[in-house]
Amino acid sequence: MKNANFDRIMAGLNEAVEIVEGRADPSTYRIHAPPTVDVRAIRRRRGLTQAAFAGRYGFALGRVRDWEQGRTTPEPAIRILLTVLDREPEAVSRALAAASD
């Protein structure tokens, strides 16, 4: 069951990337990226500094700072990832751990 859940999550994330990058047939999906995410709140809920958050999840530190200070907005795929990270942090941790094996 654990692997099946992981596989479904990874498949969904891969599909989201294909959609955002324009490689998916628009007639086959319906996805809604949240219009905004509170990056600072998500990071703080994880108990991480900006540098630790950026390093753990593969973001550039300057990008995290820009998002938190409102200078830029994360792209739709990043907003989706941040939403998953906020709601299902263990799933993201499992996915990243499996990717490094």
C-alpha atoms as a PDB file:
ATOM      1  CA  MET A   1       0.000   0.000   0.000  1.00  0.00           C
ATOM      2  CA  LYS A   2       2.834   2.409   0.877  1.00  0.00           C
ATOM      3  CA  ASN A   3       4.457   1.983  -2.537  1.00  0.00           C
ATOM      4  CA  ALA A   4       1.104   2.314  -4.306  1.00  0.00           C
ATOM      5  CA  ASN A   5       0.463   5.649  -2.594  1.00  0.00           C
ATOM      6  CA  PHE A   6       3.947   6.847  -3.463  1.00  0.00           C
ATOM      7  CA  ASP A   7       3.492   5.765  -7.082  1.00  0.00           C
ATOM      8  CA  ARG A   8       0.181   7.648  -7.347  1.00  0.00           C
ATOM      9  CA  ILE A   9       1.701  10.804  -5.850  1.00  0.00           C
ATOM     10  CA  MET A  10       4.708  10.670  -8.165  1.00  0.00           C
ATOM     11  CA  ALA A  11       2.499  10.028 -11.185  1.00  0.00           C
ATOM     12  CA  GLY A  12       0.402  13.044 -10.255  1.00  0.00           C
ATOM     13  CA  LEU A  13       3.445  15.254  -9.838  1.00  0.00           C
ATOM     14  CA  ASN A  14       4.854  14.082 -13.178  1.00  0.00           C
ATOM     15  CA  GLU A  15       1.510  14.780 -14.850  1.00  0.00           C
ATOM     16  CA  ALA A  16       1.449  18.255 -13.313  1.00  0.00           C
ATOM     17  CA  VAL A  17       4.899  19.007 -14.728  1.00  0.00           C
ATOM     18  CA  GLU A  18       3.840  17.777 -18.179  1.00  0.00           C
ATOM     19  CA  ILE A  19       0.782  20.024 -18.039  1.00  0.00           C
ATOM     20  CA  VAL A  20       2.730  23.103 -16.951  1.00  0.00           C
ATOM     21  CA  GLU A  21       5.411  22.488 -19.566  1.00  0.00           C
ATOM     22  CA  GLY A  22       2.771  22.120 -22.282  1.00  0.00           C
ATOM     23  CA  ARG A  23       3.569  18.487 -23.087  1.00  0.00           C
ATOM     24  CA  ALA A  24       0.179  17.110 -22.035  1.00  0.00           C
ATOM     25  CA  ASP A  25      -2.976  17.073 -24.136  1.00  0.00           C
ATOM     26  CA  PRO A  26      -5.231  19.734 -22.544  1.00  0.00           C
ATOM     27  CA  SER A  27      -8.336  17.655 -23.209  1.00  0.00           C
ATOM     28  CA  THR A  28      -7.070  14.918 -20.872  1.00  0.00           C
ATOM     29  CA  TYR A  29      -6.694  16.868 -17.644  1.00  0.00           C
ATOM     30  CA  ARG A  30      -8.224  19.295 -15.267  1.00  0.00           C
ATOM     31  CA  ILE A  31      -5.829  20.771 -12.758  1.00  0.00           C
ATOM     32  CA  HIS A  32      -5.941  23.929 -10.737  1.00  0.00           C
ATOM     33  CA  ALA A  33      -2.788  25.460  -9.385  1.00  0.00           C
ATOM     34  CA  PRO A  34      -3.559  27.594  -6.368  1.00  0.00           C
ATOM     35  CA  PRO A  35      -3.365  31.255  -7.381  1.00  0.00           C
ATOM     36  CA  THR A  36      -1.170  32.044  -4.384  1.00  0.00           C
ATOM     37  CA  VAL A  37       0.761  30.223  -1.691  1.00  0.00           C
ATOM     38  CA  ASP A  38       2.214  31.555   1.517  1.00  0.00           C
ATOM     39  CA  VAL A  39       5.775  30.312   1.147  1.00  0.00           C
ATOM     40  CA  ARG A  40       6.886  31.786   4.468  1.00  0.00           C
ATOM     41  CA  ALA A  41       4.075  30.036   6.353  1.00  0.00           C
ATOM     42  CA  ILE A  42       4.794  26.708   4.635  1.00  0.00           C
ATOM     43  CA  ARG A  43       8.505  27.027   5.423  1.00  0.00           C
ATOM     44  CA  ARG A  44       7.845  27.960   9.037  1.00  0.00           C
ATOM     45  CA  ARG A  45       5.465  25.023   9.494  1.00  0.00           C
ATOM     46  CA  ARG A  46       8.376  22.808   8.450  1.00  0.00           C
ATOM     47  CA  GLY A  47      10.530  24.583  11.062  1.00  0.00           C
ATOM     48  CA  LEU A  48      13.208  25.512   8.526  1.00  0.00           C
ATOM     49  CA  THR A  49      15.272  28.590   7.823  1.00  0.00           C
ATOM     50  CA  GLN A  50      15.118  29.990   4.308  1.00  0.00           C
ATOM     51  CA  ALA A  51      18.482  28.397   3.507  1.00  0.00           C
ATOM     52  CA  ALA A  52      17.480  24.998   4.908  1.00  0.00           C
ATOM     53  CA  PHE A  53      14.122  25.082   3.098  1.00  0.00           C
ATOM     54  CA  ALA A  54      15.788  25.994  -0.189  1.00  0.00           C
ATOM     55  CA  GLY A  55      18.417  23.298   0.201  1.00  0.00           C
ATOM     56  CA  ARG A  56      16.029  20.550   1.243  1.00  0.00           C
ATOM     57  CA  TYR A  57      13.566  21.100  -1.604  1.00  0.00           C
ATOM     58  CA  GLY A  58      15.908  22.221  -4.374  1.00  0.00           C
ATOM     59  CA  PHE A  59      14.970  25.873  -4.566  1.00  0.00           C
ATOM     60  CA  ALA A  60      17.450  28.691  -5.032  1.00  0.00           C
ATOM     61  CA  LEU A  61      17.788  30.640  -1.786  1.00  0.00           C
ATOM     62  CA  GLY A  62      17.286  33.932  -3.626  1.00  0.00           C
ATOM     63  CA  ARG A  63      14.085  32.588  -5.134  1.00  0.00           C
ATOM     64  CA  VAL A  64      12.697  31.656  -1.710  1.00  0.00           C
ATOM     65  CA  ARG A  65      13.528  35.145  -0.459  1.00  0.00           C
ATOM     66  CA  ASP A  66      11.858  36.723  -3.504  1.00  0.00           C
ATOM     67  CA  TRP A  67       8.705  34.652  -2.991  1.00  0.00           C
ATOM     68  CA  GLU A  68       8.516  35.473   0.706  1.00  0.00           C
ATOM     69  CA  GLN A  69       9.086  39.183   0.142  1.00  0.00           C
ATOM     70  CA  GLY A  70       6.530  39.337  -2.672  1.00  0.00           C
ATOM     71  CA  ARG A  71       9.010  40.310  -5.386  1.00  0.00           C
ATOM     72  CA  THR A  72       8.081  37.280  -7.485  1.00  0.00           C
ATOM     73  CA  THR A  73       5.397  34.601  -7.483  1.00  0.00           C
ATOM     74  CA  PRO A  74       6.171  30.896  -7.789  1.00  0.00           C
ATOM     75  CA  GLU A  75       5.311  29.344 -11.148  1.00  0.00           C
ATOM     76  CA  PRO A  76       2.167  27.152 -11.205  1.00  0.00           C
ATOM     77  CA  ALA A  77       4.126  23.875 -10.931  1.00  0.00           C
ATOM     78  CA  ILE A  78       5.999  25.236  -7.903  1.00  0.00           C
ATOM     79  CA  ARG A  79       2.717  26.382  -6.303  1.00  0.00           C
ATOM     80  CA  ILE A  80       1.403  22.851  -6.765  1.00  0.00           C
ATOM     81  CA  LEU A  81       4.546  21.348  -5.220  1.00  0.00           C
ATOM     82  CA  LEU A  82       4.393  23.793  -2.311  1.00  0.00           C
ATOM     83  CA  THR A  83       0.739  22.909  -1.738  1.00  0.00           C
ATOM     84  CA  VAL A  84       1.588  19.199  -1.649  1.00  0.00           C
ATOM     85  CA  LEU A  85       4.509  19.953   0.663  1.00  0.00           C
ATOM     86  CA  ASP A  86       2.211  21.898   2.967  1.00  0.00           C
ATOM     87  CA  ARG A  87      -0.561  19.290   3.062  1.00  0.00           C
ATOM     88  CA  GLU A  88       1.407  16.050   2.684  1.00  0.00           C
ATOM     89  CA  PRO A  89       4.988  16.734   3.817  1.00  0.00           C
ATOM     90  CA  GLU A  90       5.661  13.053   4.520  1.00  0.00           C
ATOM     91  CA  ALA A  91       4.776  12.170   0.918  1.00  0.00           C
ATOM     92  CA  VAL A  92       7.280  14.710  -0.378  1.00  0.00           C
ATOM     93  CA  SER A  93       9.925  13.399   2.021  1.00  0.00           C
ATOM     94  CA  ARG A  94       9.303   9.819   0.871  1.00  0.00           C
ATOM     95  CA  ALA A  95       9.460  10.851  -2.774  1.00  0.00           C
ATOM     96  CA  LEU A  96      12.726  12.700  -2.297  1.00  0.00           C
ATOM     97  CA  ALA A  97      14.240   9.861  -0.276  1.00  0.00           C
ATOM     98  CA  ALA A  98      13.267   7.330  -2.943  1.00  0.00           C
ATOM     99  CA  ALA A  99      14.706   9.551  -5.675  1.00  0.00           C
ATOM    100  CA  SER A 100      18.093   9.608  -3.951  1.00  0.00           C
ATOM    101  CA  ASP A 101      18.307   5.807  -3.623  1.00  0.00           C
END
